[in-house]
Amino acid sequence: MARLKLEPKYITDSRGVRTAVVLDIKQYEKSLDLVEEVEDAEYVKSVQNEPTRDYQEYRKRRLKIGP
């Protein structure tokens, strides 16, 4: 997986406490893409051991009973 180099800019309150982060739009979009990839990988891992069925049998059954 690609490593993302972020260059965040922080918004602080009057006491200097960070209250928000600003990212370049390209960095933001890339970070969303990476989060989606991680979520997809976690989903695939979670269903990896589930039983499978033949697509042609599934299709015949679906066509017979409808949506």
Foldseek 3Di string as FASTA:
>chain_A
DDDQDWDWDFDADPVRHTDDIDTDVVSVVVVVVVVVVVVVVVVCVVCVPPDDDDPVVVVVVCVVVDD
